[in-house]
Amino acid sequence: MKEAESPTKKARDERVDILRGLAVFFVLWGHSIQYFIAGSGTDFFEDRAFRFIYSFHMPLFALISGYLFSASGKKYSFPELLKNKARSLALPALVWGVILFLYQFFTEGSTDPLTDLFTQTTELWFVWAVFVPTFLTGLVESAAGKLSPGVRNAIHTGVWLVLFLLPFPVPILTDYRVLYVYPFFLAGFFYRRASERAKDLIRKAGYLSLPLFPLLLPSFHKSVYIYTTKLNLLTSRWGWAVQLRIDLLRWLIAFAGCTFFCTLLRILMKSGRFRTTAVRLLSGAGQISLQVYLVQRLLLERIAADCWISCTDRISNPLTQSMPVYDFLITPLIALSFYCVIFLLIRLIRPYRVPKLIFFGGR
């Protein structure tokens, strides 16, 4: 998600925007697979394309967010940073939470409006998964700014570890999805502030991900999704040892996937032949990735999904007669169609200062 502008507008920014654009397309593609598979009798968790997408795409967003925050965090004091992120992240999450609650209220009703409102707001989970580490990382940087980078990095890691091992829940802070992507935010943050020598070693090590990710991907099944097995060693119904093995495998596959795409993009950009219309579209999508994420929650995950489920209650699903065609032709086209509609809606809203602030935090 777009977190901050880099100090320069060179190729580095373009690579970041391309990665964000790719990731937000994976969001739309994954949700298209999930919601339009209704009525087929197929478990979307075991769908081949869905497994591929969900093995890494949200961690990739978090990695980029941490990388960008590492630069922007130097520019502002902590109060300024908190104000900025409250406006650009928390405000739109709250507004869209209200919109989603109203949609639920008028289509399904509500027996507990306050609980349902909170649920709809927190279900925009990735916004909070960026806000929480941004807030805590900024707080540590402000309080421990005079300490060495190594000590500060250890404190950042310790903050996440405390939340990870906390024996009682704290709303949003200990949400299993937030804790899942938090290490990727820190990885991006640490990488941006690493020495050039360390960055060079990391980039070279990244080539190992090119064979590693394809080798690990077949191990990603329903039991490895963060949504099915969650993330808490102390309360896991499988016991802490089994849960830890699942968690480590999940993080390993996701880190391999993130590194795979970062390395592959760097190779393609160096070749000088990675300048196509599709690439420009991905870069443009990367610049509005947060807006796309928010709007698709209503249009794709709620309105379109409800309409399609209603249709497939009466007829068999015509889209899933061939799953390879469904996965790699039909749903990518559905995702692209939703992106075009959402892009037009964003273009309509962005020229107006107040609606842009309310719906998109001023982005």
Protein backbone atom coordinates (compact mmCIF):
# COMPACT_ATOMS: atom_id res chain seq x y z
CA MET A 1 0.00 0.00 0.00
CA LYS A 2 1.12 3.50 -0.72
CA GLU A 3 2.56 4.87 2.50
CA ALA A 4 4.80 7.74 1.61
CA GLU A 5 6.57 9.31 -1.30
CA SER A 6 10.23 8.55 -1.70
CA PRO A 7 12.68 11.46 -1.69
CA THR A 8 13.38 10.84 -5.37
CA LYS A 9 11.27 10.00 -8.35
CA LYS A 10 13.79 7.71 -10.02
CA ALA A 11 13.68 4.05 -11.02
CA ARG A 12 13.51 2.96 -7.39
CA ASP A 13 10.08 4.53 -7.04
CA GLU A 14 8.98 2.88 -10.26
CA ARG A 15 9.96 -0.54 -8.96
CA VAL A 16 8.05 0.03 -5.75
CA ASP A 17 4.95 1.16 -7.62
CA ILE A 18 5.15 -1.83 -9.96
CA LEU A 19 5.35 -4.21 -6.99
CA ARG A 20 2.40 -2.49 -5.32
CA GLY A 21 0.44 -2.58 -8.55
CA LEU A 22 1.18 -6.28 -8.93
CA ALA A 23 0.17 -6.93 -5.33
CA VAL A 24 -3.13 -5.05 -5.61
CA PHE A 25 -3.93 -6.94 -8.81
CA PHE A 26 -3.33 -10.15 -6.86
CA VAL A 27 -5.81 -8.88 -4.25
CA LEU A 28 -8.49 -8.42 -6.91
CA TRP A 29 -7.61 -11.71 -8.61
CA GLY A 30 -7.62 -13.67 -5.35
CA HIS A 31 -10.96 -12.23 -4.27
CA SER A 32 -12.41 -12.94 -7.72
CA ILE A 33 -11.39 -16.60 -7.37
CA GLN A 34 -12.81 -16.75 -3.85
CA TYR A 35 -16.20 -15.17 -4.44
CA PHE A 36 -17.07 -16.31 -7.97
CA ILE A 37 -16.32 -19.95 -7.18
CA ALA A 38 -19.61 -20.14 -5.22
CA GLY A 39 -21.87 -22.99 -6.27
CA SER A 40 -19.06 -25.05 -7.79
CA GLY A 41 -18.46 -27.31 -4.81
CA THR A 42 -14.75 -26.46 -4.93
CA ASP A 43 -12.83 -25.37 -1.83
CA PHE A 44 -11.17 -22.10 -2.88
CA PHE A 45 -8.47 -22.58 -0.22
CA GLU A 46 -7.11 -25.48 -2.27
CA ASP A 47 -7.45 -23.74 -5.63
CA ARG A 48 -4.03 -23.65 -7.34
CA ALA A 49 -4.05 -19.98 -8.31
CA PHE A 50 -5.51 -18.98 -4.93
CA ARG A 51 -2.76 -20.85 -3.07
CA PHE A 52 -0.12 -19.11 -5.17
CA ILE A 53 -1.56 -15.63 -4.55
CA TYR A 54 -2.20 -16.03 -0.84
CA SER A 55 1.20 -17.50 -0.13
CA PHE A 56 2.82 -14.06 -0.34
CA HIS A 57 0.74 -11.12 -1.63
CA MET A 58 -0.23 -9.38 1.63
CA PRO A 59 3.26 -9.86 3.16
CA LEU A 60 4.61 -8.19 -0.01
CA PHE A 61 2.40 -5.16 0.70
CA ALA A 62 3.70 -5.03 4.28
CA LEU A 63 7.32 -5.32 3.14
CA ILE A 64 6.86 -2.35 0.80
CA SER A 65 5.06 -0.34 3.51
CA GLY A 66 7.95 -0.82 5.93
CA TYR A 67 10.47 0.09 3.24
CA LEU A 68 8.65 3.34 2.46
CA PHE A 69 8.06 4.22 6.09
CA SER A 70 11.77 3.92 6.81
CA ALA A 71 12.31 6.99 4.63
CA SER A 72 9.27 9.01 5.67
CA GLY A 73 9.76 8.29 9.37
CA LYS A 74 12.96 10.36 9.34
CA LYS A 75 11.18 13.46 8.10
CA TYR A 76 8.61 13.96 10.86
CA SER A 77 8.39 14.09 14.62
CA PHE A 78 6.33 11.33 16.23
CA PRO A 79 3.27 13.58 16.86
CA GLU A 80 3.37 14.70 13.21
CA LEU A 81 3.75 11.12 12.09
CA LEU A 82 0.84 9.95 14.22
CA LYS A 83 -1.38 12.75 12.90
CA ASN A 84 -0.44 11.94 9.31
CA LYS A 85 -1.10 8.22 9.65
CA ALA A 86 -4.34 8.75 11.57
CA ARG A 87 -5.56 10.85 8.65
CA SER A 88 -4.23 8.66 5.82
CA LEU A 89 -4.93 5.21 7.30
CA ALA A 90 -7.23 5.22 10.35
CA LEU A 91 -9.73 7.77 9.01
CA PRO A 92 -10.52 5.95 5.75
CA ALA A 93 -10.67 2.62 7.61
CA LEU A 94 -13.27 4.06 9.98
CA VAL A 95 -15.26 5.66 7.16
CA TRP A 96 -15.30 2.52 5.05
CA GLY A 97 -16.13 0.50 8.16
CA VAL A 98 -19.27 2.61 8.55
CA ILE A 99 -20.12 2.20 4.86
CA LEU A 100 -19.71 -1.57 5.07
CA PHE A 101 -21.78 -1.70 8.25
CA LEU A 102 -24.58 0.26 6.57
CA TYR A 103 -24.52 -2.13 3.64
CA GLN A 104 -24.76 -5.07 6.05
CA PHE A 105 -27.52 -3.37 8.05
CA PHE A 106 -29.73 -2.74 5.02
CA THR A 107 -29.14 -6.13 3.38
CA GLU A 108 -28.92 -8.49 6.36
CA GLY A 109 -29.98 -6.51 9.41
CA SER A 110 -28.06 -6.29 12.69
CA THR A 111 -28.85 -7.56 16.18
CA ASP A 112 -25.75 -5.94 17.72
CA PRO A 113 -24.91 -2.75 15.79
CA LEU A 114 -21.85 -1.75 17.83
CA THR A 115 -20.23 -5.17 17.51
CA ASP A 116 -21.05 -5.34 13.80
CA LEU A 117 -19.65 -1.86 13.23
CA PHE A 118 -16.42 -2.81 15.00
CA THR A 119 -16.21 -6.04 13.00
CA GLN A 120 -16.68 -4.29 9.66
CA THR A 121 -14.05 -1.71 10.57
CA THR A 122 -11.45 -4.24 11.71
CA GLU A 123 -12.15 -6.50 8.72
CA LEU A 124 -10.32 -3.87 6.69
CA TRP A 125 -7.48 -5.61 8.40
CA PHE A 126 -4.58 -4.70 6.18
CA VAL A 127 -5.04 -0.98 6.87
CA TRP A 128 -4.62 -1.73 10.57
CA ALA A 129 -1.78 -4.14 9.78
CA VAL A 130 0.10 -1.14 8.38
CA PHE A 131 -1.09 1.37 10.97
CA VAL A 132 -0.04 -0.72 14.01
CA PRO A 133 3.62 -1.34 13.05
CA THR A 134 3.87 2.22 11.70
CA PHE A 135 2.69 3.60 15.04
CA LEU A 136 4.85 1.29 17.18
CA THR A 137 7.93 1.62 14.99
CA GLY A 138 7.59 5.40 14.97
CA LEU A 139 7.20 5.39 18.75
CA VAL A 140 10.38 3.34 19.24
CA GLU A 141 12.32 5.52 16.81
CA SER A 142 11.18 8.63 18.66
CA ALA A 143 11.95 7.28 22.14
CA ALA A 144 15.20 5.46 21.30
CA GLY A 145 16.49 7.57 18.44
CA LYS A 146 19.88 8.14 20.09
CA LEU A 147 20.61 4.44 20.40
CA SER A 148 22.54 2.55 17.75
CA PRO A 149 20.60 1.14 14.77
CA GLY A 150 21.31 -2.40 15.91
CA VAL A 151 19.82 -1.75 19.36
CA ARG A 152 16.79 -0.02 17.85
CA ASN A 153 16.25 -2.95 15.49
CA ALA A 154 16.38 -5.32 18.46
CA ILE A 155 13.76 -3.20 20.28
CA HIS A 156 11.50 -3.18 17.20
CA THR A 157 11.74 -6.96 17.00
CA GLY A 158 11.12 -7.25 20.74
CA VAL A 159 7.93 -5.19 20.50
CA TRP A 160 6.55 -7.57 17.89
CA LEU A 161 7.65 -10.59 19.91
CA VAL A 162 5.87 -9.30 23.04
CA LEU A 163 2.63 -8.89 21.06
CA PHE A 164 3.12 -12.30 19.46
CA LEU A 165 3.49 -14.02 22.86
CA LEU A 166 0.92 -11.97 24.74
CA PRO A 167 -1.37 -14.45 26.56
CA PHE A 168 -4.48 -12.25 26.30
CA PRO A 169 -6.03 -10.48 23.29
CA VAL A 170 -5.80 -6.73 22.68
CA PRO A 171 -8.16 -5.52 19.94
CA ILE A 172 -6.33 -4.83 16.67
CA LEU A 173 -2.84 -4.94 18.30
CA THR A 174 -2.87 -8.73 18.66
CA ASP A 175 -5.03 -9.50 15.65
CA TYR A 176 -3.46 -12.61 14.13
CA ARG A 177 -3.37 -11.03 10.67
CA VAL A 178 -1.57 -7.94 11.98
CA LEU A 179 0.99 -10.10 13.77
CA TYR A 180 1.45 -12.23 10.65
CA VAL A 181 2.54 -9.36 8.38
CA TYR A 182 4.31 -7.28 11.07
CA PRO A 183 7.70 -9.05 10.51
CA PHE A 184 7.51 -8.20 6.81
CA PHE A 185 6.96 -4.53 7.64
CA LEU A 186 10.04 -4.67 9.86
CA ALA A 187 12.04 -6.47 7.16
CA GLY A 188 11.32 -3.67 4.69
CA PHE A 189 12.10 -1.07 7.36
CA PHE A 190 15.40 -2.72 8.27
CA TYR A 191 16.45 -3.21 4.66
CA ARG A 192 15.98 0.45 3.77
CA ARG A 193 18.23 1.51 6.66
CA ALA A 194 20.86 -1.19 6.17
CA SER A 195 24.34 -0.37 4.93
CA GLU A 196 25.04 -0.64 1.20
CA ARG A 197 27.21 -3.68 1.86
CA ALA A 198 24.40 -5.41 3.73
CA LYS A 199 21.92 -4.51 0.97
CA ASP A 200 24.25 -5.95 -1.64
CA LEU A 201 24.53 -9.22 0.29
CA ILE A 202 20.74 -9.38 0.65
CA ARG A 203 20.24 -8.74 -3.05
CA LYS A 204 22.68 -11.53 -3.91
CA ALA A 205 20.99 -13.89 -1.47
CA GLY A 206 17.70 -13.00 -3.14
CA TYR A 207 18.67 -15.09 -6.17
CA LEU A 208 18.21 -18.17 -3.98
CA SER A 209 14.48 -17.39 -3.88
CA LEU A 210 14.14 -17.99 -7.63
CA PRO A 211 14.30 -21.79 -7.21
CA LEU A 212 13.27 -21.80 -3.51
CA PHE A 213 9.80 -20.24 -3.88
CA PRO A 214 8.61 -22.70 -6.59
CA LEU A 215 9.97 -25.56 -4.47
CA LEU A 216 8.18 -24.39 -1.32
CA LEU A 217 4.89 -23.40 -2.94
CA PRO A 218 3.47 -26.98 -3.16
CA SER A 219 3.66 -27.07 0.67
CA PHE A 220 1.18 -24.20 0.94
CA HIS A 221 -2.21 -25.78 1.62
CA LYS A 222 -5.34 -25.00 3.58
CA SER A 223 -3.68 -25.70 6.93
CA VAL A 224 -0.99 -23.07 6.22
CA TYR A 225 -3.29 -20.10 5.53
CA ILE A 226 -3.27 -17.47 8.25
CA TYR A 227 -7.08 -17.47 8.06
CA THR A 228 -7.41 -21.16 8.92
CA THR A 229 -4.74 -21.79 11.55
CA LYS A 230 -4.23 -18.21 12.79
CA LEU A 231 -1.25 -17.25 14.91
CA ASN A 232 -1.05 -17.80 18.65
CA LEU A 233 1.30 -20.34 20.23
CA LEU A 234 -0.32 -20.18 23.66
CA THR A 235 -3.93 -20.78 22.61
CA SER A 236 -3.50 -22.98 19.53
CA ARG A 237 -5.76 -26.02 19.55
CA TRP A 238 -2.97 -28.03 17.90
CA GLY A 239 -0.44 -27.23 20.62
CA TRP A 240 2.43 -24.80 20.49
CA ALA A 241 4.90 -27.09 18.68
CA VAL A 242 2.59 -27.84 15.74
CA GLN A 243 1.48 -24.21 15.57
CA LEU A 244 5.08 -23.02 15.51
CA ARG A 245 5.92 -25.37 12.62
CA ILE A 246 2.94 -24.03 10.68
CA ASP A 247 3.89 -20.42 11.45
CA LEU A 248 7.52 -20.89 10.42
CA LEU A 249 6.55 -22.61 7.17
CA ARG A 250 4.04 -19.85 6.41
CA TRP A 251 6.61 -17.10 7.02
CA LEU A 252 9.30 -18.95 5.05
CA ILE A 253 7.07 -19.37 1.98
CA ALA A 254 5.92 -15.75 2.17
CA PHE A 255 9.47 -14.38 2.52
CA ALA A 256 10.56 -16.56 -0.40
CA GLY A 257 7.64 -15.28 -2.48
CA CYS A 258 8.30 -11.63 -1.67
CA THR A 259 11.99 -12.00 -2.43
CA PHE A 260 11.21 -13.94 -5.61
CA PHE A 261 9.18 -11.09 -7.09
CA CYS A 262 11.55 -8.35 -5.88
CA THR A 263 14.51 -10.20 -7.40
CA LEU A 264 12.70 -11.02 -10.63
CA LEU A 265 11.62 -7.40 -11.06
CA ARG A 266 15.16 -6.16 -10.46
CA ILE A 267 16.49 -8.55 -13.14
CA LEU A 268 13.83 -7.46 -15.63
CA MET A 269 14.37 -3.75 -14.93
CA LYS A 270 18.12 -4.13 -15.43
CA SER A 271 17.54 -5.72 -18.80
CA GLY A 272 16.11 -2.42 -20.07
CA ARG A 273 13.31 -4.21 -21.91
CA PHE A 274 10.72 -4.02 -19.16
CA ARG A 275 8.88 -0.99 -20.53
CA THR A 276 5.45 -2.09 -21.72
CA THR A 277 1.93 -0.74 -21.42
CA ALA A 278 1.18 -3.45 -18.84
CA VAL A 279 4.10 -2.27 -16.73
CA ARG A 280 2.92 1.33 -16.87
CA LEU A 281 -0.56 0.19 -15.84
CA LEU A 282 0.90 -1.75 -12.90
CA SER A 283 2.90 1.29 -11.83
CA GLY A 284 -0.23 3.45 -11.99
CA ALA A 285 -2.21 0.89 -10.00
CA GLY A 286 0.54 0.89 -7.39
CA GLN A 287 0.02 4.58 -6.79
CA ILE A 288 -3.64 4.04 -5.82
CA SER A 289 -3.32 0.62 -4.16
CA LEU A 290 -4.85 1.67 -0.83
CA GLN A 291 -7.83 3.24 -2.57
CA VAL A 292 -8.35 0.11 -4.66
CA TYR A 293 -8.15 -2.09 -1.55
CA LEU A 294 -10.81 -0.02 0.23
CA VAL A 295 -13.28 0.27 -2.65
CA GLN A 296 -13.04 -3.38 -3.69
CA ARG A 297 -14.07 -4.37 -0.19
CA LEU A 298 -17.54 -3.00 -0.93
CA LEU A 299 -17.89 -3.51 -4.68
CA LEU A 300 -16.23 -6.93 -5.09
CA GLU A 301 -16.32 -8.62 -1.69
CA ARG A 302 -19.81 -7.47 -0.74
CA ILE A 303 -22.09 -6.32 -3.57
CA ALA A 304 -20.75 -8.51 -6.39
CA ALA A 305 -20.21 -11.53 -4.12
CA ASP A 306 -23.75 -11.32 -2.70
CA CYS A 307 -25.26 -10.99 -6.17
CA TRP A 308 -23.28 -13.96 -7.50
CA ILE A 309 -24.12 -16.18 -4.53
CA SER A 310 -27.78 -15.32 -5.05
CA CYS A 311 -27.52 -16.33 -8.72
CA THR A 312 -25.72 -19.62 -8.06
CA ASP A 313 -28.38 -20.60 -5.52
CA ARG A 314 -30.68 -21.09 -8.52
CA ILE A 315 -28.29 -22.33 -11.22
CA SER A 316 -25.01 -24.24 -11.33
CA ASN A 317 -21.90 -22.10 -11.63
CA PRO A 318 -21.17 -21.64 -15.36
CA LEU A 319 -17.73 -20.12 -14.74
CA THR A 320 -16.09 -23.15 -13.15
CA GLN A 321 -16.70 -25.80 -15.81
CA SER A 322 -12.95 -25.78 -16.43
CA MET A 323 -10.90 -24.76 -13.41
CA PRO A 324 -7.72 -23.88 -15.38
CA VAL A 325 -9.80 -21.53 -17.56
CA TYR A 326 -11.51 -20.15 -14.45
CA ASP A 327 -8.21 -19.59 -12.64
CA PHE A 328 -6.08 -18.17 -15.42
CA LEU A 329 -8.51 -16.53 -17.83
CA ILE A 330 -11.94 -15.79 -16.36
CA THR A 331 -10.95 -14.52 -12.90
CA PRO A 332 -8.02 -12.38 -14.11
CA LEU A 333 -10.45 -10.71 -16.53
CA ILE A 334 -12.96 -10.21 -13.72
CA ALA A 335 -10.20 -8.68 -11.58
CA LEU A 336 -9.16 -6.38 -14.43
CA SER A 337 -12.78 -5.32 -14.96
CA PHE A 338 -13.20 -4.42 -11.30
CA TYR A 339 -9.94 -2.51 -11.38
CA CYS A 340 -11.18 -0.41 -14.30
CA VAL A 341 -14.46 0.39 -12.53
CA ILE A 342 -12.68 1.24 -9.27
CA PHE A 343 -10.13 3.35 -11.12
CA LEU A 344 -12.93 5.43 -12.65
CA LEU A 345 -14.59 5.90 -9.24
CA ILE A 346 -11.29 7.03 -7.74
CA ARG A 347 -10.77 9.46 -10.62
CA LEU A 348 -14.22 10.93 -9.95
CA ILE A 349 -13.53 11.44 -6.23
CA ARG A 350 -9.91 12.59 -6.19
CA PRO A 351 -10.39 16.10 -7.64
CA TYR A 352 -12.56 17.02 -4.65
CA ARG A 353 -10.62 17.76 -1.49
CA VAL A 354 -13.21 16.86 1.16
CA PRO A 355 -14.43 13.55 -0.36
CA LYS A 356 -10.81 12.59 -1.06
CA LEU A 357 -9.95 13.25 2.60
CA ILE A 358 -12.96 11.36 3.93
CA PHE A 359 -12.77 8.31 1.70
CA PHE A 360 -9.05 8.04 1.03
CA GLY A 361 -7.32 10.02 3.78
CA GLY A 362 -6.36 12.80 1.37
CA ARG A 363 -4.43 10.51 -1.01
